[in-house]
Structure formats: C-alpha cells, structure tokens
Amino acid sequence: MADTDLLEAYIEVYFHAFKYVGELISEPMKADGISFEQFLIMRDLAAGHQLGLSEIAKKRGVTRAAISRQIKTLLEKETIVQERDAVDRRRLYLRLTPHGEEVTSRVNKVIHKRFYDWVSALGEKDAKELLRIMRKVGTNIIAKDKSALK
C-alpha cells in the first residue's frame, strides 16, 4: 500500500471508529453527569483504595489542579466525601457515599457488559491484539508526542 493510501485508510478509520471511542466509553456515565476519569476515581475507592488528591494525580499522571476539578464535581454530586486522616489532620482522604457506591456498582455492571460484548464481537484473540497495538501507540507515539508538547 502506498504511503498516501495508508494515510487515507487511517483518516477513514479515524472518522468511522477512533473519533467515537471516547464517546462510547463515556456514555454509561452520562446519566450521572460524570466523566470516565471521575468514574475511575470512584471505582478505585470502591475497590478499597485509600486515596487523596496527590495519590490520584500521581496515578493518572495529571496535575493536582485537574484532579481537584474532578473531585469538586464528585463532591457536588454527593458521590464522594472528604475525610481528615485521624493521624495527620492535614491530609484529606476520599470515601464513596452510599449514593456513590450505588452509582459505581451500576456503572461497573454496564461497562463490564459492554466491554465483553465488544470482546465477543471481535473475538478474544483480536481484542487482545487491539489492546497490544493500543498500548504500543500509547507508549511509542502518544507519550512521546505529549512530552514534546511540554
């Protein structure tokens, strides 16, 4: 395939698939007015992880300010609360509220079903290959391009 054909094929795939991946992933959270990233914070809390702002920012590779905005929305939606550490009163940890537990459980079920429907449609072998390629794109292209932008 000539270079221009490869570029044209990429553009076609982008417009028919890649462009909408983020929307498809975020769709189950829309009813609750939260983003996928906010859901992941709630999911980590539901898994029993003790998290504060710094831990989340470090894990996600983003600024504390970005996480602070995400947490603010979750606090406003009463899906999480902040609690002071009993030993170090300067530290605040996050905890799911009962409403947050319900949202997390419900969305987790929807995401789980949706993901395994995708795996079923692709086949497990192709799904694993797609993940391998996506990891390679993340490491070899996106991470390098992101660091070049800084």
Protein backbone atom coordinates (compact mmCIF):
# COMPACT_ATOMS: atom_id res chain seq x y z
CA MET A 1 0.00 0.00 0.00
CA ALA A 2 1.46 3.38 -0.96
CA ASP A 3 2.06 5.94 1.79
CA THR A 4 -0.86 8.11 0.65
CA ASP A 5 -3.16 5.06 0.64
CA LEU A 6 -2.12 4.28 4.20
CA LEU A 7 -2.82 7.85 5.27
CA GLU A 8 -6.23 7.81 3.57
CA ALA A 9 -7.07 4.47 5.22
CA TYR A 10 -6.08 5.95 8.62
CA ILE A 11 -8.27 9.01 8.05
CA GLU A 12 -11.22 6.79 7.09
CA VAL A 13 -10.80 4.62 10.20
CA TYR A 14 -10.46 7.73 12.35
CA PHE A 15 -13.74 9.20 11.10
CA HIS A 16 -15.65 5.94 11.37
CA ALA A 17 -14.19 4.49 14.58
CA PHE A 18 -11.47 6.22 16.63
CA LYS A 19 -13.26 9.55 16.72
CA TYR A 20 -16.14 7.96 18.65
CA VAL A 21 -14.28 5.64 21.02
CA GLY A 22 -14.18 8.21 23.85
CA GLU A 23 -17.89 8.88 23.47
CA LEU A 24 -18.72 5.16 23.58
CA ILE A 25 -16.61 4.66 26.70
CA SER A 26 -18.09 7.70 28.47
CA GLU A 27 -21.72 7.02 27.52
CA PRO A 28 -22.62 4.87 30.58
CA MET A 29 -21.62 7.76 32.90
CA LYS A 30 -23.67 10.45 31.11
CA ALA A 31 -26.87 9.80 33.07
CA ASP A 32 -24.98 10.58 36.28
CA GLY A 33 -23.18 13.61 34.84
CA ILE A 34 -19.71 12.25 35.49
CA SER A 35 -16.74 11.64 33.23
CA PHE A 36 -14.95 8.35 32.71
CA GLU A 37 -12.00 9.73 34.69
CA GLN A 38 -14.30 10.61 37.59
CA PHE A 39 -15.81 7.14 37.44
CA LEU A 40 -12.31 5.63 37.65
CA ILE A 41 -11.69 7.58 40.87
CA MET A 42 -14.94 6.20 42.29
CA ARG A 43 -14.05 2.70 41.10
CA ASP A 44 -10.68 2.87 42.88
CA LEU A 45 -12.44 4.00 46.06
CA ALA A 46 -14.96 1.16 45.74
CA ALA A 47 -12.04 -1.28 45.47
CA GLY A 48 -10.90 -0.15 48.92
CA HIS A 49 -8.02 2.10 47.92
CA GLN A 50 -7.38 4.96 50.33
CA LEU A 51 -6.92 7.92 48.03
CA GLY A 52 -6.16 11.57 48.39
CA LEU A 53 -5.62 14.22 45.76
CA SER A 54 -1.88 13.57 45.42
CA GLU A 55 -2.26 9.81 45.03
CA ILE A 56 -4.84 10.20 42.26
CA ALA A 57 -2.81 12.83 40.41
CA LYS A 58 0.31 10.66 40.54
CA LYS A 59 -1.55 7.51 39.42
CA ARG A 60 -3.25 9.28 36.50
CA GLY A 61 -0.20 11.33 35.50
CA VAL A 62 -2.06 14.65 35.67
CA THR A 63 -1.86 17.78 37.80
CA ARG A 64 -3.40 18.14 41.23
CA ALA A 65 -5.48 21.01 39.81
CA ALA A 66 -7.02 18.70 37.19
CA ILE A 67 -7.89 16.11 39.83
CA SER A 68 -9.20 18.83 42.13
CA ARG A 69 -11.74 19.86 39.47
CA GLN A 70 -12.85 16.25 39.03
CA ILE A 71 -13.21 15.77 42.77
CA LYS A 72 -15.13 19.03 43.14
CA THR A 73 -17.80 17.71 40.76
CA LEU A 74 -17.99 14.38 42.60
CA LEU A 75 -18.38 16.23 45.91
CA GLU A 76 -21.14 18.41 44.44
CA LYS A 77 -22.94 15.32 43.13
CA GLU A 78 -22.63 13.79 46.63
CA THR A 79 -20.97 10.66 45.32
CA ILE A 80 -17.87 11.12 47.49
CA VAL A 81 -16.91 12.89 50.71
CA GLN A 82 -13.58 14.03 52.05
CA GLU A 83 -12.46 12.90 55.49
CA ARG A 84 -9.48 14.02 57.51
CA ASP A 85 -6.81 11.48 58.38
CA ALA A 86 -7.06 10.66 62.08
CA VAL A 87 -3.26 10.72 62.45
CA ASP A 88 -2.31 13.57 60.12
CA ARG A 89 -5.14 16.11 60.24
CA ARG A 90 -3.67 17.96 57.23
CA ARG A 91 -4.41 15.03 54.91
CA LEU A 92 -7.82 14.52 53.35
CA TYR A 93 -8.95 11.16 52.02
CA LEU A 94 -11.88 10.43 49.78
CA ARG A 95 -14.68 7.99 50.52
CA LEU A 96 -17.71 6.96 48.49
CA THR A 97 -21.10 7.92 49.84
CA PRO A 98 -23.92 5.35 49.69
CA HIS A 99 -25.11 7.16 46.55
CA GLY A 100 -21.58 6.95 45.12
CA GLU A 101 -21.45 3.22 45.89
CA GLU A 102 -24.74 2.71 44.03
CA VAL A 103 -23.58 4.74 41.00
CA THR A 104 -20.23 2.92 40.89
CA SER A 105 -21.84 -0.51 41.12
CA ARG A 106 -24.43 0.26 38.44
CA VAL A 107 -21.93 1.81 36.01
CA ASN A 108 -19.44 -1.00 36.62
CA LYS A 109 -22.07 -3.55 35.55
CA VAL A 110 -22.88 -1.59 32.37
CA ILE A 111 -19.20 -1.17 31.47
CA HIS A 112 -18.45 -4.82 32.15
CA LYS A 113 -21.29 -5.97 29.90
CA ARG A 114 -20.40 -3.50 27.16
CA PHE A 115 -16.72 -4.46 27.19
CA TYR A 116 -17.40 -8.20 26.99
CA ASP A 117 -19.94 -7.62 24.22
CA TRP A 118 -17.10 -5.91 22.32
CA VAL A 119 -14.75 -8.81 23.07
CA SER A 120 -17.42 -11.22 21.85
CA ALA A 121 -17.91 -9.22 18.64
CA LEU A 122 -14.15 -9.02 17.93
CA GLY A 123 -13.12 -12.37 19.32
CA GLU A 124 -10.74 -12.65 22.25
CA LYS A 125 -7.65 -13.03 20.06
CA ASP A 126 -8.38 -9.83 18.10
CA ALA A 127 -9.38 -7.96 21.28
CA LYS A 128 -6.01 -8.83 22.84
CA GLU A 129 -4.24 -7.80 19.63
CA LEU A 130 -6.10 -4.49 19.59
CA LEU A 131 -5.05 -3.83 23.21
CA ARG A 132 -1.44 -4.72 22.36
CA ILE A 133 -1.45 -2.25 19.47
CA MET A 134 -3.17 0.44 21.55
CA ARG A 135 -0.52 0.05 24.28
CA LYS A 136 2.19 0.35 21.64
CA VAL A 137 0.56 3.52 20.24
CA GLY A 138 0.35 4.90 23.80
CA THR A 139 3.99 4.19 24.52
CA ASN A 140 5.64 4.82 21.17
CA ILE A 141 3.55 7.71 19.85
CA ILE A 142 1.28 9.43 22.35
CA ALA A 143 3.72 9.52 25.28
CA LYS A 144 6.49 10.87 23.03
CA ASP A 145 4.23 13.46 21.39
CA LYS A 146 2.89 14.57 24.80
CA SER A 147 6.42 15.06 26.16
CA ALA A 148 7.37 17.02 23.03
CA LEU A 149 4.45 19.40 23.70
CA LYS A 150 5.67 20.26 27.20
